[in-house]
Amino acid sequence: MYEHRNDDLLPRRDFYFRLMGSFLVTLLIAGGSLAIGSAGYHVWGRLDWLDAFHNASMILTGMGPVNPMTTAAGKLFASCYALYSGIAFLSMIAVITAPIAHRMLHKFHLAGDDE
C-alpha cells in the first residue's frame, strides 16, 4: 500500500488522495460503529432511536453513557459496546495517522540518503 523506502516520495496530490482514502475508511468505521451501537441500545437497552444514537455517540467518543441501562441485556450490551468503542476509537486514530506518519518517516529516510 505504501511506497518502499527506496522509492521516491509520493507526490503531494497522490498523498492527499491517500489521506482522503484513510479518512473515508475512518468514516466507515465510525458509521458502522454508530449503527451497531444505536441498534443495540434500541433493541437491548429499550431506548428510542434518538436516545440510542445519542448514547452510542457518547460512548464511541469516550464521553460516557447518557441513559442508564435498566435491563440485564442492556447492561451487557453497554459493557461490550464500551470495550469495542475503545478499540474502534484507537483504530480510527491509527488509520487516519498512518499515512502522515509514513510520509514523515519516508521523508526523513530520503533526507538521510543525501549524506
N, C-alpha and C. Protein backbone atom coordinates (compact mmCIF):
# COMPACT_ATOMS: atom_id res chain seq x y z
N MET A 1 0.82 -1.19 0.00
CA MET A 1 0.00 0.00 0.00
C MET A 1 0.87 1.26 0.00
N TYR A 2 1.93 1.25 0.77
CA TYR A 2 2.81 2.41 0.84
C TYR A 2 4.06 2.16 0.01
N GLU A 3 4.73 3.24 -0.36
CA GLU A 3 5.94 3.09 -1.16
C GLU A 3 7.09 2.53 -0.34
N HIS A 4 7.97 1.85 -1.02
CA HIS A 4 9.14 1.23 -0.38
C HIS A 4 10.14 2.33 -0.01
N ARG A 5 11.02 2.02 0.91
CA ARG A 5 11.98 3.03 1.38
C ARG A 5 12.91 3.50 0.28
N ASN A 6 13.10 2.71 -0.77
CA ASN A 6 13.97 3.12 -1.88
C ASN A 6 13.23 3.93 -2.94
N ASP A 7 11.92 3.98 -2.86
CA ASP A 7 11.12 4.74 -3.83
C ASP A 7 11.14 6.22 -3.51
N ASP A 8 10.82 7.01 -4.52
CA ASP A 8 10.72 8.46 -4.31
C ASP A 8 9.51 8.77 -3.42
N LEU A 9 9.55 9.97 -2.85
CA LEU A 9 8.44 10.44 -2.03
C LEU A 9 7.21 10.59 -2.92
N LEU A 10 6.08 10.16 -2.43
CA LEU A 10 4.83 10.25 -3.18
C LEU A 10 4.51 11.72 -3.45
N PRO A 11 4.09 12.05 -4.68
CA PRO A 11 3.71 13.45 -4.95
C PRO A 11 2.59 13.91 -4.02
N ARG A 12 2.57 15.18 -3.75
CA ARG A 12 1.63 15.74 -2.78
C ARG A 12 0.17 15.43 -3.15
N ARG A 13 -0.15 15.53 -4.41
CA ARG A 13 -1.53 15.26 -4.86
C ARG A 13 -1.91 13.81 -4.55
N ASP A 14 -1.04 12.86 -4.84
CA ASP A 14 -1.31 11.46 -4.55
C ASP A 14 -1.38 11.21 -3.04
N PHE A 15 -0.56 11.93 -2.29
CA PHE A 15 -0.61 11.81 -0.83
C PHE A 15 -1.97 12.28 -0.30
N TYR A 16 -2.49 13.36 -0.86
CA TYR A 16 -3.80 13.84 -0.42
C TYR A 16 -4.90 12.83 -0.74
N PHE A 17 -4.78 12.16 -1.89
CA PHE A 17 -5.75 11.11 -2.21
C PHE A 17 -5.64 9.94 -1.22
N ARG A 18 -4.41 9.59 -0.85
CA ARG A 18 -4.20 8.53 0.14
C ARG A 18 -4.80 8.94 1.48
N LEU A 19 -4.59 10.19 1.85
CA LEU A 19 -5.14 10.69 3.11
C LEU A 19 -6.67 10.69 3.07
N MET A 20 -7.24 11.05 1.92
CA MET A 20 -8.69 11.02 1.77
C MET A 20 -9.22 9.59 1.89
N GLY A 21 -8.50 8.63 1.34
CA GLY A 21 -8.90 7.23 1.47
C GLY A 21 -8.90 6.79 2.92
N SER A 22 -7.88 7.19 3.67
CA SER A 22 -7.83 6.86 5.09
C SER A 22 -8.97 7.51 5.84
N PHE A 23 -9.30 8.73 5.48
CA PHE A 23 -10.41 9.42 6.11
C PHE A 23 -11.73 8.71 5.82
N LEU A 24 -11.90 8.22 4.59
CA LEU A 24 -13.13 7.50 4.24
C LEU A 24 -13.23 6.18 5.01
N VAL A 25 -12.10 5.48 5.16
CA VAL A 25 -12.12 4.25 5.96
C VAL A 25 -12.50 4.58 7.41
N THR A 26 -11.98 5.67 7.92
CA THR A 26 -12.32 6.10 9.28
C THR A 26 -13.82 6.41 9.39
N LEU A 27 -14.37 7.06 8.38
CA LEU A 27 -15.81 7.34 8.39
C LEU A 27 -16.62 6.05 8.36
N LEU A 28 -16.16 5.05 7.61
CA LEU A 28 -16.86 3.77 7.57
C LEU A 28 -16.83 3.08 8.93
N ILE A 29 -15.67 3.12 9.59
CA ILE A 29 -15.57 2.52 10.93
C ILE A 29 -16.50 3.26 11.89
N ALA A 30 -16.49 4.58 11.85
CA ALA A 30 -17.33 5.36 12.76
C ALA A 30 -18.81 5.14 12.46
N GLY A 31 -19.18 5.16 11.18
CA GLY A 31 -20.58 4.96 10.81
C GLY A 31 -21.09 3.58 11.18
N GLY A 32 -20.27 2.56 10.90
CA GLY A 32 -20.66 1.20 11.28
C GLY A 32 -20.77 1.04 12.78
N SER A 33 -19.84 1.64 13.49
CA SER A 33 -19.88 1.56 14.96
C SER A 33 -21.11 2.26 15.52
N LEU A 34 -21.45 3.41 14.96
CA LEU A 34 -22.66 4.11 15.42
C LEU A 34 -23.92 3.32 15.08
N ALA A 35 -23.94 2.68 13.92
CA ALA A 35 -25.11 1.87 13.54
C ALA A 35 -25.28 0.69 14.49
N ILE A 36 -24.17 0.00 14.78
CA ILE A 36 -24.22 -1.14 15.70
C ILE A 36 -24.65 -0.67 17.10
N GLY A 37 -24.05 0.42 17.56
CA GLY A 37 -24.38 0.93 18.88
C GLY A 37 -25.82 1.41 18.99
N SER A 38 -26.27 2.12 17.98
CA SER A 38 -27.65 2.62 18.01
C SER A 38 -28.65 1.47 18.00
N ALA A 39 -28.40 0.47 17.16
CA ALA A 39 -29.30 -0.68 17.10
C ALA A 39 -29.29 -1.45 18.43
N GLY A 40 -28.11 -1.62 19.00
CA GLY A 40 -28.01 -2.35 20.27
C GLY A 40 -28.70 -1.63 21.41
N TYR A 41 -28.49 -0.34 21.49
CA TYR A 41 -29.16 0.42 22.56
C TYR A 41 -30.67 0.46 22.35
N HIS A 42 -31.09 0.46 21.09
CA HIS A 42 -32.52 0.47 20.81
C HIS A 42 -33.15 -0.87 21.17
N VAL A 43 -32.51 -1.97 20.77
CA VAL A 43 -33.09 -3.29 20.99
C VAL A 43 -32.92 -3.75 22.44
N TRP A 44 -31.68 -3.76 22.92
CA TRP A 44 -31.42 -4.33 24.24
C TRP A 44 -31.53 -3.31 25.38
N GLY A 45 -31.28 -2.04 25.07
CA GLY A 45 -31.41 -1.02 26.09
C GLY A 45 -32.79 -0.41 26.17
N ARG A 46 -33.63 -0.76 25.18
CA ARG A 46 -35.01 -0.27 25.11
C ARG A 46 -35.10 1.25 25.10
N LEU A 47 -34.20 1.87 24.35
CA LEU A 47 -34.22 3.32 24.17
C LEU A 47 -34.83 3.64 22.81
N ASP A 48 -35.44 4.83 22.69
CA ASP A 48 -35.90 5.21 21.35
C ASP A 48 -34.68 5.52 20.48
N TRP A 49 -34.89 5.65 19.18
CA TRP A 49 -33.76 5.75 18.24
C TRP A 49 -32.85 6.95 18.51
N LEU A 50 -33.43 8.09 18.82
CA LEU A 50 -32.60 9.27 19.05
C LEU A 50 -31.75 9.11 20.31
N ASP A 51 -32.34 8.60 21.38
CA ASP A 51 -31.57 8.37 22.60
C ASP A 51 -30.52 7.28 22.40
N ALA A 52 -30.87 6.27 21.61
CA ALA A 52 -29.92 5.19 21.33
C ALA A 52 -28.72 5.74 20.55
N PHE A 53 -28.99 6.57 19.55
CA PHE A 53 -27.91 7.19 18.77
C PHE A 53 -27.06 8.10 19.66
N HIS A 54 -27.71 8.85 20.53
CA HIS A 54 -27.01 9.75 21.45
C HIS A 54 -26.09 8.96 22.38
N ASN A 55 -26.59 7.89 22.95
CA ASN A 55 -25.78 7.05 23.82
C ASN A 55 -24.60 6.45 23.07
N ALA A 56 -24.86 5.91 21.88
CA ALA A 56 -23.79 5.29 21.08
C ALA A 56 -22.72 6.31 20.73
N SER A 57 -23.14 7.51 20.37
CA SER A 57 -22.19 8.57 20.03
C SER A 57 -21.32 8.96 21.22
N MET A 58 -21.94 9.09 22.36
CA MET A 58 -21.20 9.49 23.55
C MET A 58 -20.22 8.41 23.99
N ILE A 59 -20.62 7.15 23.91
CA ILE A 59 -19.72 6.06 24.28
C ILE A 59 -18.57 5.97 23.27
N LEU A 60 -18.87 6.09 21.99
CA LEU A 60 -17.85 5.96 20.95
C LEU A 60 -16.78 7.04 21.06
N THR A 61 -17.15 8.22 21.49
CA THR A 61 -16.18 9.30 21.62
C THR A 61 -15.52 9.34 23.00
N GLY A 62 -15.90 8.44 23.88
CA GLY A 62 -15.26 8.36 25.19
C GLY A 62 -15.86 9.27 26.23
N MET A 63 -17.01 9.86 25.96
CA MET A 63 -17.65 10.77 26.91
C MET A 63 -18.37 10.05 28.04
N GLY A 64 -18.87 8.88 27.76
CA GLY A 64 -19.60 8.13 28.77
C GLY A 64 -21.07 8.02 28.45
N PRO A 65 -21.76 7.14 29.15
CA PRO A 65 -23.18 6.92 28.86
C PRO A 65 -24.06 8.08 29.32
N VAL A 66 -25.19 8.20 28.66
CA VAL A 66 -26.14 9.26 28.99
C VAL A 66 -27.33 8.67 29.75
N ASN A 67 -27.92 7.62 29.17
CA ASN A 67 -29.09 6.98 29.77
C ASN A 67 -28.66 5.73 30.53
N PRO A 68 -29.16 5.55 31.75
CA PRO A 68 -28.82 4.32 32.47
C PRO A 68 -29.53 3.12 31.85
N MET A 69 -28.87 1.99 31.85
CA MET A 69 -29.46 0.75 31.36
C MET A 69 -30.22 0.09 32.51
N THR A 70 -31.44 -0.31 32.23
CA THR A 70 -32.28 -0.89 33.29
C THR A 70 -32.44 -2.40 33.13
N THR A 71 -32.13 -2.95 31.96
CA THR A 71 -32.27 -4.39 31.75
C THR A 71 -30.89 -5.05 31.80
N ALA A 72 -30.87 -6.33 32.10
CA ALA A 72 -29.62 -7.07 32.13
C ALA A 72 -29.00 -7.12 30.73
N ALA A 73 -29.82 -7.33 29.71
CA ALA A 73 -29.32 -7.37 28.34
C ALA A 73 -28.74 -6.01 27.94
N GLY A 74 -29.38 -4.95 28.35
CA GLY A 74 -28.88 -3.60 28.06
C GLY A 74 -27.54 -3.34 28.72
N LYS A 75 -27.41 -3.79 29.94
CA LYS A 75 -26.14 -3.61 30.67
C LYS A 75 -25.02 -4.42 30.03
N LEU A 76 -25.31 -5.63 29.62
CA LEU A 76 -24.31 -6.46 28.94
C LEU A 76 -23.90 -5.83 27.61
N PHE A 77 -24.90 -5.37 26.84
CA PHE A 77 -24.57 -4.72 25.57
C PHE A 77 -23.75 -3.46 25.80
N ALA A 78 -24.14 -2.64 26.76
CA ALA A 78 -23.41 -1.39 27.04
C ALA A 78 -21.97 -1.68 27.43
N SER A 79 -21.75 -2.73 28.20
CA SER A 79 -20.38 -3.09 28.60
C SER A 79 -19.55 -3.53 27.40
N CYS A 80 -20.13 -4.40 26.58
CA CYS A 80 -19.41 -4.88 25.39
C CYS A 80 -19.17 -3.75 24.40
N TYR A 81 -20.16 -2.89 24.22
CA TYR A 81 -20.02 -1.78 23.28
C TYR A 81 -18.97 -0.78 23.78
N ALA A 82 -18.89 -0.58 25.06
CA ALA A 82 -17.88 0.33 25.61
C ALA A 82 -16.47 -0.21 25.34
N LEU A 83 -16.28 -1.51 25.54
CA LEU A 83 -14.98 -2.12 25.25
C LEU A 83 -14.66 -2.04 23.76
N TYR A 84 -15.65 -2.35 22.94
CA TYR A 84 -15.46 -2.26 21.49
C TYR A 84 -15.14 -0.82 21.07
N SER A 85 -15.82 0.14 21.66
CA SER A 85 -15.63 1.54 21.27
C SER A 85 -14.22 2.03 21.52
N GLY A 86 -13.61 1.57 22.60
CA GLY A 86 -12.22 1.94 22.86
C GLY A 86 -11.30 1.45 21.77
N ILE A 87 -11.50 0.21 21.35
CA ILE A 87 -10.69 -0.36 20.27
C ILE A 87 -10.99 0.34 18.95
N ALA A 88 -12.26 0.61 18.68
CA ALA A 88 -12.64 1.28 17.44
C ALA A 88 -12.04 2.69 17.38
N PHE A 89 -12.07 3.40 18.49
CA PHE A 89 -11.52 4.75 18.52
C PHE A 89 -10.02 4.74 18.24
N LEU A 90 -9.30 3.82 18.88
CA LEU A 90 -7.86 3.72 18.64
C LEU A 90 -7.58 3.30 17.19
N SER A 91 -8.41 2.43 16.64
CA SER A 91 -8.25 2.02 15.25
C SER A 91 -8.46 3.19 14.30
N MET A 92 -9.44 4.01 14.58
CA MET A 92 -9.69 5.18 13.73
C MET A 92 -8.51 6.14 13.77
N ILE A 93 -7.95 6.35 14.94
CA ILE A 93 -6.78 7.22 15.07
C ILE A 93 -5.61 6.64 14.29
N ALA A 94 -5.41 5.33 14.38
CA ALA A 94 -4.30 4.68 13.66
C ALA A 94 -4.48 4.79 12.15
N VAL A 95 -5.70 4.57 11.67
CA VAL A 95 -5.96 4.62 10.23
C VAL A 95 -5.73 6.03 9.69
N ILE A 96 -6.15 7.03 10.42
CA ILE A 96 -6.04 8.41 9.92
C ILE A 96 -4.61 8.95 10.03
N THR A 97 -3.84 8.47 11.00
CA THR A 97 -2.49 9.00 11.17
C THR A 97 -1.42 8.18 10.44
N ALA A 98 -1.74 6.96 10.01
CA ALA A 98 -0.74 6.10 9.36
C ALA A 98 -0.12 6.74 8.12
N PRO A 99 -0.90 7.33 7.20
CA PRO A 99 -0.27 7.94 6.03
C PRO A 99 0.64 9.13 6.39
N ILE A 100 0.25 9.88 7.39
CA ILE A 100 1.05 11.04 7.80
C ILE A 100 2.36 10.57 8.42
N ALA A 101 2.27 9.59 9.31
CA ALA A 101 3.48 9.07 9.95
C ALA A 101 4.40 8.42 8.91
N HIS A 102 3.82 7.68 7.96
CA HIS A 102 4.64 7.05 6.93
C HIS A 102 5.34 8.09 6.08
N ARG A 103 4.64 9.13 5.71
CA ARG A 103 5.25 10.17 4.88
C ARG A 103 6.40 10.86 5.61
N MET A 104 6.18 11.14 6.90
CA MET A 104 7.25 11.78 7.68
C MET A 104 8.48 10.88 7.77
N LEU A 105 8.28 9.60 8.08
CA LEU A 105 9.39 8.68 8.18
C LEU A 105 10.08 8.48 6.84
N HIS A 106 9.30 8.41 5.77
CA HIS A 106 9.87 8.24 4.44
C HIS A 106 10.69 9.47 4.04
N LYS A 107 10.19 10.64 4.38
CA LYS A 107 10.89 11.88 4.07
C LYS A 107 12.21 11.96 4.84
N PHE A 108 12.19 11.58 6.12
CA PHE A 108 13.42 11.58 6.91
C PHE A 108 14.42 10.57 6.36
N HIS A 109 13.94 9.43 5.90
CA HIS A 109 14.83 8.42 5.34
C HIS A 109 15.48 8.93 4.06
N LEU A 110 14.70 9.60 3.21
CA LEU A 110 15.26 10.15 1.97
C LEU A 110 16.27 11.24 2.26
N ALA A 111 16.00 12.05 3.31
CA ALA A 111 16.94 13.11 3.66
C ALA A 111 18.26 12.52 4.15
N GLY A 112 18.21 11.36 4.81
CA GLY A 112 19.41 10.70 5.29
C GLY A 112 20.24 10.08 4.19
N ASP A 113 19.64 9.80 3.02
CA ASP A 113 20.36 9.22 1.89
C ASP A 113 21.27 10.21 1.20
N ASP A 114 21.02 11.51 1.37
CA ASP A 114 21.81 12.53 0.69
C ASP A 114 23.20 12.65 1.28
N GLU A 115 23.38 12.23 2.49
CA GLU A 115 24.68 12.41 3.16
C GLU A 115 25.70 11.41 2.72
